[in-house]
Amino acid sequence: MIVAQYLTKQLAAWGVKRIYGVAGDGIFAWLDALGKQTEIQYISCRHEAAAAMMASAEAKLTGKPGVCTATMGPGFVNLLNGLADAHTDRAPVIAITGQVETRKLGGTYKQFVAQEDMIRPISVYQATVSHPDAVGEVLHRAFVSAAQQKGVAHLAICKDVFAQKTKAGVLPQMPRIPRVLGDRMEIESAAEQIMRAKAPLILMGTGARPAAAMCLRLAEQLGAGILLSLGAKGAIDESHRLVLGGLGEGGSEAALQALEKADLLVILGASWFPQEFIPKQLPIIQVDHAAASMHAHARLLPVTADLLDVLPLWSQRLKAQTPGDAWEKSVESWHARFLAEPAKSSQSQSLEEAVRPEVLMHTLGQAVADDAIVVLDTGEHTIWFNRVFRASRQWPLFSGKWRTMGFALPAAISAKLAFPDRQVVCVTGDGGLQMSLAELMTAAEHQAAITIVVVNNRTLGLEELKMKQEGFQPFGVHLHNPDFALWAKACGADSHVVRAESALEPVLRQALTGNRLTLLDIHCTAPTLIERKKQIPFQAQA
């Protein structure tokens, strides 16, 4: 086989279903091979950054490596923003890009850039393939590295190598990636500390989703309050009596009140959280399979292990444990306040005025399917979503640590392709949408039945708020928007405009049940947020 054929067959053998990319002469031979087979679907995107975001989003949802491609030079460079999202959120992604011909490596040729040097800070593995027989071993190492280290692996393949014959053989399956085995003493020591706690809280992160049922069982055994990061929303139904909401600007007052009284915080699957909201004297137990994710804190007991191994052992130890009645009643009281917050936020405004973002997010929570994938862009609307959207089993998908604008629409497309039977809702600001607006044609081309909710407040809302908070006059943040509804119609999508709160719910429900690509242009009020009270930062030591 030539290298282009080998790549396609090997990726298919390892379970790859889709490749996201943009055409360019550096990958012509591979595109030709992809076009002559049916095992892998090629998604032709409008921009390389969107292609990488799609691969990242698929990896976040499935846990399996997503794959994207682009040509050399500007094509490769455009991928970097989406690949940085995968890197910072620890999503396994394979990026395969074209490179100049082997004879041109290192020269001053058009579109040549040292790709390995550029991508090294945001990847766990990088290599340039300049000989056809090297491709098998290099591809194998890339996949194993991405899957095991949960990061980006990159192969640059020289343009002429794609069309050359290789001796590499197709491997039928990937090697098994073993779980990290925890230290029994660490696990037992943490269990003893948990059993002594009188007022425990559990903070669940994105990494706890696969073990959500076990996390809930542990909380019920302890009578512990449950705090949910944005990525963990929907892992446990927020109507459960122990759930107290999240942390940070998008968190709840109930969570802050509980933290002030707690005597132990158990962090499960959260490698990042807003540390300034955690009291500095609060003892912490953190479980994570990666030692590098542990937080440097004087009162931290780290447990480096997989949650699926640790939680059953803890539950077994706690079988005879009786939760403290007083603490559990306090948690249930805070939970009642947490549930009441959205209704409180939605009061006192005329229904004929522009839609408030808190009302939009609360209404969306009442209208979406229980198992919907809700894809969020970066902005003020994300904070309101975290505050007032009460999740049951929905799955929020977003750019976590990288926080790139323009993520939502590409990510929603790949979410719908990966899970065609689930409802997918894209919630984006007017600024974020315009960064990926061309991908609406990608959605239309693949008949992706996504509901796109545009928070149209004619400003980069979060940046405007931050400028005001820092004492600056907002400048460079106000937007002159196109007619989003007309743009959607031009792309072949349905569209509706909502200018008042009275029209919001019926239009939203109609779009969500329509099973068509639909854009809702929601005219929203100017950005405003009530800042949450912070604790003494937990990084500061006594």
Protein backbone atom coordinates (compact mmCIF):
# COMPACT_ATOMS: atom_id res chain seq x y z
CA MET A 1 0.00 0.00 0.00
CA ILE A 2 0.99 3.59 -0.36
CA VAL A 3 1.16 5.62 2.88
CA ALA A 4 -2.16 7.38 2.21
CA GLN A 5 -3.95 4.03 1.93
CA TYR A 6 -2.16 2.62 4.97
CA LEU A 7 -3.19 5.60 7.13
CA THR A 8 -6.82 5.18 6.16
CA LYS A 9 -6.92 1.42 6.77
CA GLN A 10 -5.03 1.61 10.06
CA LEU A 11 -7.21 4.39 11.44
CA ALA A 12 -10.34 2.46 10.47
CA ALA A 13 -8.98 -0.69 12.15
CA TRP A 14 -8.51 1.31 15.36
CA GLY A 15 -12.11 2.47 15.35
CA VAL A 16 -11.83 5.98 13.88
CA LYS A 17 -15.21 6.96 12.41
CA ARG A 18 -14.59 10.53 11.27
CA ILE A 19 -11.73 12.78 10.18
CA TYR A 20 -12.23 16.56 10.26
CA GLY A 21 -10.19 18.71 7.91
CA VAL A 22 -9.68 21.28 5.19
CA ALA A 23 -8.20 20.41 1.78
CA GLY A 24 -4.73 21.54 0.72
CA ASP A 25 -2.02 20.34 -1.64
CA GLY A 26 0.07 18.89 1.19
CA ILE A 27 -2.52 16.15 1.77
CA PHE A 28 -3.94 15.60 -1.75
CA ALA A 29 -2.86 11.93 -1.90
CA TRP A 30 -4.54 11.21 1.44
CA LEU A 31 -7.75 12.99 0.46
CA ASP A 32 -7.77 10.86 -2.69
CA ALA A 33 -7.53 7.69 -0.57
CA LEU A 34 -10.25 8.90 1.82
CA GLY A 35 -12.55 9.61 -1.09
CA LYS A 36 -12.26 6.03 -2.36
CA GLN A 37 -13.40 4.25 0.83
CA THR A 38 -16.48 4.18 3.05
CA GLU A 39 -15.24 3.12 6.50
CA ILE A 40 -14.25 6.63 7.63
CA GLN A 41 -16.39 9.72 7.07
CA TYR A 42 -14.45 12.79 6.00
CA ILE A 43 -15.95 16.07 7.30
CA SER A 44 -14.92 18.96 5.07
CA CYS A 45 -14.77 22.05 7.29
CA ARG A 46 -14.54 25.73 6.36
CA HIS A 47 -11.64 26.52 8.70
CA GLU A 48 -8.90 24.36 10.17
CA ALA A 49 -9.39 25.71 13.70
CA ALA A 50 -12.98 24.46 13.54
CA ALA A 51 -11.76 21.04 12.33
CA ALA A 52 -9.49 20.72 15.37
CA MET A 53 -12.29 21.86 17.69
CA MET A 54 -14.55 19.18 16.20
CA ALA A 55 -11.93 16.51 16.85
CA SER A 56 -11.45 17.83 20.39
CA ALA A 57 -15.19 17.85 21.08
CA GLU A 58 -15.59 14.28 19.80
CA ALA A 59 -12.73 13.14 22.04
CA LYS A 60 -14.26 14.86 25.09
CA LEU A 61 -17.59 13.15 24.51
CA THR A 62 -16.41 9.66 23.56
CA GLY A 63 -13.11 9.39 25.42
CA LYS A 64 -11.58 8.01 22.20
CA PRO A 65 -9.01 9.83 20.04
CA GLY A 66 -10.49 12.32 17.59
CA VAL A 67 -8.66 12.92 14.32
CA CYS A 68 -8.17 16.08 12.27
CA THR A 69 -6.05 17.02 9.28
CA ALA A 70 -4.80 20.03 7.34
CA THR A 71 -2.18 20.97 4.82
CA MET A 72 1.25 22.44 5.60
CA GLY A 73 2.01 26.04 6.52
CA PRO A 74 -1.12 28.10 7.21
CA GLY A 75 -3.33 25.01 7.31
CA PHE A 76 -1.25 23.53 10.13
CA VAL A 77 -1.02 26.86 11.98
CA ASN A 78 -4.79 27.33 11.82
CA LEU A 79 -5.25 23.97 13.58
CA LEU A 80 -3.34 25.12 16.64
CA ASN A 81 -6.19 26.95 18.39
CA GLY A 82 -8.43 23.89 18.40
CA LEU A 83 -5.53 21.62 19.33
CA ALA A 84 -4.71 23.88 22.29
CA ASP A 85 -8.27 23.31 23.50
CA ALA A 86 -7.73 19.55 23.37
CA HIS A 87 -4.37 19.88 25.12
CA THR A 88 -5.61 22.00 28.02
CA ASP A 89 -8.77 19.91 28.53
CA ARG A 90 -6.81 16.66 28.23
CA ALA A 91 -8.73 15.30 25.26
CA PRO A 92 -6.96 12.67 23.10
CA VAL A 93 -6.59 14.05 19.55
CA ILE A 94 -4.46 12.95 16.61
CA ALA A 95 -3.50 15.71 14.14
CA ILE A 96 -2.07 14.52 10.83
CA THR A 97 -0.80 17.33 8.61
CA GLY A 98 1.01 17.69 5.33
CA GLN A 99 4.59 18.96 5.19
CA VAL A 100 6.83 20.10 2.35
CA GLU A 101 8.58 17.46 0.24
CA THR A 102 11.49 15.71 1.95
CA ARG A 103 14.07 17.52 -0.18
CA LYS A 104 12.69 20.87 1.02
CA LEU A 105 12.79 20.21 4.76
CA GLY A 106 14.59 23.01 6.59
CA GLY A 107 14.76 25.27 3.57
CA THR A 108 13.22 28.64 2.81
CA TYR A 109 10.42 27.14 0.76
CA LYS A 110 6.87 28.40 0.58
CA GLN A 111 4.62 27.22 3.41
CA PHE A 112 7.48 25.53 5.26
CA VAL A 113 7.49 25.90 9.03
CA ALA A 114 9.11 23.66 11.64
CA GLN A 115 5.83 22.08 12.74
CA GLU A 116 7.32 20.00 15.56
CA ASP A 117 8.73 23.11 17.20
CA MET A 118 5.46 25.02 16.96
CA ILE A 119 3.24 22.29 18.36
CA ARG A 120 5.56 20.94 21.07
CA PRO A 121 4.13 23.08 23.94
CA ILE A 122 0.61 21.76 23.34
CA SER A 123 1.27 18.12 22.49
CA VAL A 124 2.38 14.91 24.16
CA TYR A 125 3.98 13.51 21.00
CA GLN A 126 5.17 15.01 17.73
CA ALA A 127 7.05 13.58 14.75
CA THR A 128 7.83 14.28 11.10
CA VAL A 129 7.55 11.31 8.73
CA SER A 130 10.14 11.60 5.96
CA HIS A 131 10.32 7.89 5.00
CA PRO A 132 7.32 5.69 4.11
CA ASP A 133 8.43 2.73 6.23
CA ALA A 134 8.44 4.86 9.39
CA VAL A 135 4.73 5.64 9.28
CA GLY A 136 3.50 2.47 11.02
CA GLU A 137 5.57 2.78 14.18
CA VAL A 138 5.10 6.55 14.36
CA LEU A 139 1.30 6.33 14.01
CA HIS A 140 1.17 3.63 16.67
CA ARG A 141 3.21 5.72 19.11
CA ALA A 142 1.04 8.74 18.40
CA PHE A 143 -2.18 6.87 19.20
CA VAL A 144 -0.83 5.24 22.35
CA SER A 145 0.59 8.57 23.58
CA ALA A 146 -2.64 10.45 22.96
CA ALA A 147 -4.82 7.77 24.55
CA GLN A 148 -2.64 7.12 27.59
CA GLN A 149 -1.59 10.72 28.34
CA LYS A 150 -4.90 12.24 27.20
CA GLY A 151 -3.43 14.87 24.92
CA VAL A 152 -2.54 15.86 21.39
CA ALA A 153 -0.29 13.73 19.20
CA HIS A 154 0.88 15.22 15.90
CA LEU A 155 2.30 13.69 12.74
CA ALA A 156 3.66 15.86 9.94
CA ILE A 157 3.97 13.74 6.81
CA CYS A 158 6.00 15.02 3.88
CA LYS A 159 3.93 15.62 0.78
CA ASP A 160 5.85 13.14 -1.39
CA VAL A 161 5.77 10.42 1.30
CA PHE A 162 1.94 10.14 1.17
CA ALA A 163 2.16 8.63 -2.33
CA GLN A 164 5.08 6.24 -1.65
CA LYS A 165 4.74 2.53 -0.85
CA THR A 166 5.22 1.41 2.75
CA LYS A 167 6.09 -1.92 4.31
CA ALA A 168 4.06 -1.06 7.43
CA GLY A 169 1.40 -3.63 8.28
CA VAL A 170 -2.08 -2.86 9.58
CA LEU A 171 -2.46 -3.78 13.26
CA PRO A 172 -5.92 -5.18 14.09
CA GLN A 173 -6.22 -3.46 17.45
CA MET A 174 -4.59 -1.00 19.80
CA PRO A 175 -2.78 -2.27 22.90
CA ARG A 176 -4.75 -2.03 26.12
CA ILE A 177 -4.13 1.18 28.08
CA PRO A 178 -3.80 0.13 31.75
CA ARG A 179 -5.32 2.17 34.58
CA VAL A 180 -3.08 3.73 37.20
CA LEU A 181 -2.99 1.48 40.27
CA GLY A 182 -3.24 3.51 43.44
CA ASP A 183 -1.13 3.17 46.56
CA ARG A 184 -3.14 1.21 49.15
CA MET A 185 -1.76 3.26 52.04
CA GLU A 186 -2.83 6.52 50.38
CA ILE A 187 -6.31 5.16 49.77
CA GLU A 188 -6.66 3.84 53.35
CA SER A 189 -5.29 7.03 54.90
CA ALA A 190 -7.82 9.08 52.94
CA ALA A 191 -10.62 6.73 54.00
CA GLU A 192 -9.71 7.23 57.66
CA GLN A 193 -9.80 11.01 57.24
CA ILE A 194 -13.17 10.81 55.49
CA MET A 195 -14.62 8.67 58.29
CA ARG A 196 -13.54 11.25 60.89
CA ALA A 197 -15.16 14.16 59.04
CA LYS A 198 -18.32 15.60 60.59
CA ALA A 199 -19.15 18.08 57.81
CA PRO A 200 -17.83 16.76 54.47
CA LEU A 201 -18.34 18.12 50.96
CA ILE A 202 -17.61 16.42 47.63
CA LEU A 203 -16.52 18.41 44.56
CA MET A 204 -17.09 16.49 41.31
CA GLY A 205 -15.34 17.44 38.09
CA THR A 206 -15.58 16.32 34.48
CA GLY A 207 -13.38 13.31 35.21
CA ALA A 208 -15.95 11.99 37.68
CA ARG A 209 -18.69 11.54 35.07
CA PRO A 210 -17.89 7.85 34.36
CA ALA A 211 -18.05 7.16 38.12
CA ALA A 212 -21.03 9.41 38.90
CA ALA A 213 -23.17 6.64 40.44
CA MET A 214 -20.38 5.66 42.81
CA CYS A 215 -19.73 9.32 43.70
CA LEU A 216 -23.40 9.71 44.59
CA ARG A 217 -23.35 6.57 46.72
CA LEU A 218 -20.33 7.89 48.64
CA ALA A 219 -22.09 11.22 49.23
CA GLU A 220 -25.22 9.46 50.51
CA GLN A 221 -23.17 7.29 52.85
CA LEU A 222 -21.51 10.41 54.28
CA GLY A 223 -24.47 12.78 54.10
CA ALA A 224 -22.03 15.01 52.17
CA GLY A 225 -23.02 18.00 50.10
CA ILE A 226 -22.17 17.69 46.40
CA LEU A 227 -20.58 20.55 44.45
CA LEU A 228 -20.50 20.22 40.67
CA SER A 229 -18.06 21.83 38.28
CA LEU A 230 -19.50 23.01 34.97
CA GLY A 231 -18.23 19.84 33.30
CA ALA A 232 -19.96 17.67 35.91
CA LYS A 233 -23.41 19.25 35.54
CA GLY A 234 -25.85 16.51 34.62
CA ALA A 235 -23.65 13.73 35.99
CA ILE A 236 -26.00 13.80 39.00
CA ASP A 237 -29.55 15.17 38.83
CA GLU A 238 -29.41 18.60 40.43
CA SER A 239 -32.78 17.99 42.08
CA HIS A 240 -31.05 15.47 44.37
CA ARG A 241 -31.28 16.60 48.00
CA LEU A 242 -27.47 16.71 48.45
CA VAL A 243 -26.56 18.81 45.39
CA LEU A 244 -25.54 22.38 46.22
CA GLY A 245 -24.49 23.77 42.83
CA GLY A 246 -21.12 24.90 41.59
CA LEU A 247 -18.19 27.14 42.46
CA GLY A 248 -17.02 30.45 41.07
CA GLU A 249 -18.83 33.33 39.41
CA GLY A 250 -21.21 30.80 37.90
CA GLY A 251 -21.66 28.93 41.17
CA SER A 252 -24.28 29.15 43.90
CA GLU A 253 -24.62 30.96 47.21
CA ALA A 254 -25.52 27.61 48.78
CA ALA A 255 -22.12 26.17 47.84
CA LEU A 256 -20.30 29.11 49.45
CA GLN A 257 -22.35 28.83 52.64
CA ALA A 258 -21.59 25.10 52.87
CA LEU A 259 -17.87 25.66 52.33
CA GLU A 260 -17.76 28.05 55.28
CA LYS A 261 -19.05 25.28 57.60
CA ALA A 262 -17.33 22.23 56.06
CA ASP A 263 -14.46 20.38 57.73
CA LEU A 264 -13.36 18.36 54.67
CA LEU A 265 -13.50 18.72 50.88
CA VAL A 266 -13.12 15.59 48.73
CA ILE A 267 -12.23 16.46 45.12
CA LEU A 268 -13.11 13.77 42.57
CA GLY A 269 -12.10 14.14 38.93
CA ALA A 270 -11.55 17.92 38.98
CA SER A 271 -8.06 18.94 37.87
CA TRP A 272 -9.06 22.61 37.88
CA PHE A 273 -11.54 24.69 39.86
CA PRO A 274 -11.72 28.35 41.01
CA GLN A 275 -9.40 28.07 43.98
CA GLU A 276 -10.16 31.55 45.30
CA PHE A 277 -13.56 30.27 46.47
CA ILE A 278 -12.09 27.58 48.76
CA PRO A 279 -11.27 28.51 52.40
CA LYS A 280 -7.52 28.21 52.93
CA GLN A 281 -7.79 26.17 56.15
CA LEU A 282 -10.15 23.54 54.73
CA PRO A 283 -8.51 20.06 54.58
CA ILE A 284 -8.68 18.53 51.08
CA ILE A 285 -8.49 15.02 49.68
CA GLN A 286 -8.00 14.89 45.91
CA VAL A 287 -8.29 11.77 43.76
CA ASP A 288 -6.82 11.92 40.27
CA HIS A 289 -5.08 9.37 38.07
CA ALA A 290 -2.46 12.00 37.07
CA ALA A 291 -0.03 13.16 39.77
CA ALA A 292 0.57 16.39 37.81
CA SER A 293 -3.06 17.38 38.41
CA MET A 294 -2.66 17.43 42.18
CA HIS A 295 -2.83 20.88 43.76
CA ALA A 296 0.07 22.26 45.79
CA HIS A 297 -1.65 22.88 49.10
CA ALA A 298 -0.37 22.35 52.66
CA ARG A 299 -3.57 20.60 53.79
CA LEU A 300 -3.98 18.36 50.73
CA LEU A 301 -3.92 14.57 50.92
CA PRO A 302 -3.40 13.33 47.34
CA VAL A 303 -4.63 9.94 46.15
CA THR A 304 -3.07 9.13 42.78
CA ALA A 305 -5.39 6.47 41.39
CA ASP A 306 -8.39 5.86 39.19
CA LEU A 307 -11.75 6.74 40.72
CA LEU A 308 -13.22 3.44 39.54
CA ASP A 309 -10.71 1.66 41.79
CA VAL A 310 -10.85 3.99 44.81
CA LEU A 311 -14.58 4.58 45.27
CA PRO A 312 -15.64 0.92 45.77
CA LEU A 313 -12.99 0.54 48.49
CA TRP A 314 -14.17 3.67 50.27
CA SER A 315 -17.82 2.64 50.05
CA GLN A 316 -16.96 -0.74 51.54
CA ARG A 317 -15.18 0.94 54.46
CA LEU A 318 -18.13 3.25 55.04
CA LYS A 319 -20.84 0.57 55.11
CA ALA A 320 -21.35 0.94 58.85
CA GLN A 321 -20.98 4.73 58.77
CA THR A 322 -24.01 6.77 59.88
CA PRO A 323 -24.23 10.28 58.40
CA GLY A 324 -24.39 13.15 60.90
CA ASP A 325 -28.04 14.20 61.09
CA ALA A 326 -27.31 17.84 61.81
CA TRP A 327 -24.93 18.23 58.86
CA GLU A 328 -27.18 16.34 56.47
CA LYS A 329 -30.14 18.55 57.42
CA SER A 330 -28.00 21.64 56.82
CA VAL A 331 -27.04 20.32 53.37
CA GLU A 332 -30.70 19.68 52.53
CA SER A 333 -31.57 23.22 53.64
CA TRP A 334 -28.85 24.69 51.39
CA HIS A 335 -30.09 22.48 48.57
CA ALA A 336 -33.57 24.02 48.84
CA ARG A 337 -32.04 27.50 48.52
CA PHE A 338 -29.98 26.34 45.54
CA LEU A 339 -33.08 25.08 43.73
CA ALA A 340 -34.87 28.38 44.40
CA GLU A 341 -32.13 30.59 42.94
CA PRO A 342 -33.27 30.45 39.26
CA ALA A 343 -36.83 31.47 40.11
CA LYS A 344 -35.48 34.34 42.20
CA SER A 345 -33.27 35.50 39.31
CA SER A 346 -36.21 35.45 36.88
CA GLN A 347 -38.51 37.80 38.80
CA SER A 348 -39.45 41.46 38.26
CA GLN A 349 -39.32 42.34 34.58
CA SER A 350 -41.89 42.99 31.89
CA LEU A 351 -42.36 40.04 29.54
CA GLU A 352 -42.32 42.43 26.60
CA GLU A 353 -38.75 43.58 27.21
CA ALA A 354 -35.60 41.95 25.81
CA VAL A 355 -34.70 38.54 27.18
CA ARG A 356 -32.45 38.38 30.24
CA PRO A 357 -29.74 35.71 29.89
CA GLU A 358 -30.67 34.17 33.25
CA VAL A 359 -34.25 33.73 32.03
CA LEU A 360 -32.99 32.23 28.78
CA MET A 361 -30.84 29.64 30.55
CA HIS A 362 -33.52 28.74 33.08
CA THR A 363 -36.12 28.33 30.31
CA LEU A 364 -33.69 26.27 28.25
CA GLY A 365 -33.22 23.95 31.21
CA GLN A 366 -36.96 23.34 31.36
CA ALA A 367 -37.29 22.74 27.61
CA VAL A 368 -34.35 20.54 26.57
CA ALA A 369 -34.38 16.75 26.54
CA ASP A 370 -33.10 15.05 29.69
CA ASP A 371 -30.15 13.54 27.81
CA ALA A 372 -29.37 16.52 25.57
CA ILE A 373 -25.80 17.55 24.79
CA VAL A 374 -25.61 21.29 25.48
CA VAL A 375 -22.60 22.86 23.77
CA LEU A 376 -21.48 26.20 25.20
CA ASP A 377 -19.30 28.92 23.76
CA THR A 378 -17.15 31.14 25.96
CA GLY A 379 -18.77 34.23 27.42
CA GLU A 380 -21.22 35.71 29.91
CA HIS A 381 -23.91 33.23 28.90
CA THR A 382 -21.72 30.34 30.15
CA ILE A 383 -21.69 31.81 33.66
CA TRP A 384 -25.48 32.22 33.62
CA PHE A 385 -25.84 28.65 32.34
CA ASN A 386 -23.81 27.36 35.27
CA ARG A 387 -25.85 29.42 37.74
CA VAL A 388 -29.43 28.82 36.70
CA PHE A 389 -29.60 25.82 34.32
CA ARG A 390 -30.77 22.93 36.49
CA ALA A 391 -29.44 19.78 34.84
CA SER A 392 -30.93 16.32 35.14
CA ARG A 393 -28.88 14.12 32.77
CA GLN A 394 -27.71 16.68 30.20
CA TRP A 395 -24.06 16.83 29.19
CA PRO A 396 -22.44 20.30 28.91
CA LEU A 397 -19.62 20.49 26.36
CA PHE A 398 -17.33 23.52 26.30
CA SER A 399 -13.79 24.86 25.98
CA GLY A 400 -12.70 24.50 29.60
CA LYS A 401 -9.22 25.77 30.37
CA TRP A 402 -8.46 27.19 26.91
CA ARG A 403 -11.77 29.06 26.78
CA THR A 404 -11.62 29.87 23.11
CA MET A 405 -14.47 31.76 21.53
CA GLY A 406 -15.96 30.12 18.45
CA PHE A 407 -15.95 26.62 19.99
CA ALA A 408 -19.68 25.96 20.27
CA LEU A 409 -20.83 25.61 16.66
CA PRO A 410 -18.01 23.30 15.46
CA ALA A 411 -18.30 21.24 18.65
CA ALA A 412 -22.07 20.93 18.25
CA ILE A 413 -21.63 19.61 14.72
CA SER A 414 -19.26 16.85 15.83
CA ALA A 415 -21.49 16.07 18.84
CA LYS A 416 -24.44 15.49 16.51
CA LEU A 417 -22.35 13.37 14.14
CA ALA A 418 -21.10 11.24 17.03
CA PHE A 419 -24.52 10.98 18.72
CA PRO A 420 -27.13 11.38 15.96
CA ASP A 421 -30.00 10.17 18.16
CA ARG A 422 -29.42 12.73 20.93
CA GLN A 423 -30.68 16.29 21.01
CA VAL A 424 -27.81 18.75 20.53
CA VAL A 425 -28.17 22.41 21.50
CA CYS A 426 -25.53 25.02 20.68
CA VAL A 427 -25.55 28.04 23.00
CA THR A 428 -23.32 30.82 21.73
CA GLY A 429 -22.83 34.54 22.04
CA ASP A 430 -23.03 36.81 19.03
CA GLY A 431 -19.26 37.32 19.19
CA GLY A 432 -18.44 33.62 19.48
CA LEU A 433 -20.78 32.68 16.65
CA GLN A 434 -19.17 35.14 14.25
CA MET A 435 -15.80 33.49 14.81
CA SER A 436 -17.17 30.22 13.37
CA LEU A 437 -20.11 31.47 11.32
CA ALA A 438 -18.97 29.74 8.13
CA GLU A 439 -19.36 26.34 9.83
CA LEU A 440 -23.11 26.80 9.61
CA MET A 441 -22.67 25.62 6.02
CA THR A 442 -20.81 22.55 7.31
CA ALA A 443 -23.80 21.79 9.54
CA ALA A 444 -26.20 22.32 6.64
CA GLU A 445 -24.13 20.13 4.31
CA HIS A 446 -24.35 17.22 6.76
CA GLN A 447 -27.98 17.94 7.68
CA ALA A 448 -27.06 18.20 11.35
CA ALA A 449 -30.29 18.81 13.27
CA ILE A 450 -28.85 21.23 15.81
CA THR A 451 -30.68 24.03 17.60
CA ILE A 452 -28.39 27.09 17.72
CA VAL A 453 -29.31 29.57 20.45
CA VAL A 454 -27.63 32.93 19.85
CA VAL A 455 -27.35 35.29 22.82
CA ASN A 456 -27.53 38.52 20.83
CA ASN A 457 -26.64 41.46 23.10
CA ARG A 458 -24.43 43.25 20.56
CA THR A 459 -21.32 43.14 22.73
CA LEU A 460 -18.56 40.85 23.92
CA GLY A 461 -20.41 40.71 27.21
CA LEU A 462 -17.88 39.08 29.50
CA GLU A 463 -15.07 41.34 28.27
CA GLU A 464 -17.27 44.39 28.78
CA LEU A 465 -18.02 43.30 32.35
CA LYS A 466 -14.39 42.62 33.14
CA MET A 467 -13.31 46.00 31.79
CA LYS A 468 -15.86 47.72 34.02
CA GLN A 469 -14.82 45.65 37.04
CA GLU A 470 -11.19 46.66 36.49
CA GLY A 471 -12.10 50.34 36.21
CA PHE A 472 -11.73 50.69 32.44
CA GLN A 473 -14.10 52.30 29.98
CA PRO A 474 -15.39 49.49 27.73
CA PHE A 475 -13.81 49.87 24.30
CA GLY A 476 -13.46 47.51 21.36
CA VAL A 477 -16.16 45.18 22.69
CA HIS A 478 -19.35 46.45 21.05
CA LEU A 479 -20.53 44.54 17.98
CA HIS A 480 -22.29 45.54 14.79
CA ASN A 481 -24.06 42.28 14.06
CA PRO A 482 -25.45 40.90 10.81
CA ASP A 483 -28.98 39.59 10.56
CA PHE A 484 -28.32 36.10 11.92
CA ALA A 485 -31.75 34.84 10.87
CA LEU A 486 -31.12 35.84 7.25
CA TRP A 487 -27.68 34.24 7.34
CA ALA A 488 -29.22 30.99 8.58
CA LYS A 489 -31.82 31.02 5.81
CA ALA A 490 -29.09 31.66 3.22
CA CYS A 491 -27.35 28.52 4.49
CA GLY A 492 -30.55 26.47 4.27
CA ALA A 493 -31.37 26.45 7.98
CA ASP A 494 -34.59 27.44 9.73
CA SER A 495 -34.47 30.59 11.84
CA HIS A 496 -36.54 32.61 14.29
CA VAL A 497 -36.03 35.93 16.05
CA VAL A 498 -37.07 36.43 19.69
CA ARG A 499 -37.22 40.04 20.88
CA ALA A 500 -39.22 39.67 24.11
CA GLU A 501 -39.41 37.19 27.00
CA SER A 502 -43.07 36.46 26.26
CA ALA A 503 -42.07 34.79 22.97
CA LEU A 504 -39.09 32.85 24.30
CA GLU A 505 -40.53 29.59 25.61
CA PRO A 506 -42.89 28.69 22.72
CA VAL A 507 -40.25 29.44 20.08
CA LEU A 508 -37.61 27.51 22.01
CA ARG A 509 -39.82 24.45 22.45
CA GLN A 510 -40.84 24.50 18.78
CA ALA A 511 -37.21 24.57 17.65
CA LEU A 512 -36.16 21.79 20.01
CA THR A 513 -38.87 19.44 18.77
CA GLY A 514 -38.46 20.30 15.08
CA ASN A 515 -35.50 17.98 14.40
CA ARG A 516 -34.03 20.45 11.89
CA LEU A 517 -31.02 22.71 11.77
CA THR A 518 -32.47 25.84 13.38
CA LEU A 519 -30.99 29.14 14.52
CA LEU A 520 -32.72 31.21 17.20
CA ASP A 521 -31.64 34.85 17.33
CA ILE A 522 -32.43 35.79 20.94
CA HIS A 523 -32.23 39.55 21.59
CA CYS A 524 -30.88 39.78 25.13
CA THR A 525 -30.38 42.53 27.67
CA ALA A 526 -27.03 44.18 28.31
CA PRO A 527 -24.60 42.04 30.32
CA THR A 528 -24.81 42.21 34.09
CA LEU A 529 -23.59 39.80 36.73
CA ILE A 530 -23.74 39.75 40.51
CA GLU A 531 -20.27 38.88 41.74
CA ARG A 532 -20.09 35.92 44.09
CA LYS A 533 -18.38 36.45 47.44
CA LYS A 534 -14.93 34.89 47.45
CA GLN A 535 -13.27 33.02 50.28
CA ILE A 536 -9.72 33.57 51.46
CA PRO A 537 -7.72 31.98 48.58
CA PHE A 538 -6.73 28.45 49.43
CA GLN A 539 -3.25 28.94 47.92
CA ALA A 540 -2.34 31.36 50.71
CA GLN A 541 -0.89 29.44 53.60
CA ALA A 542 -1.33 30.38 57.26
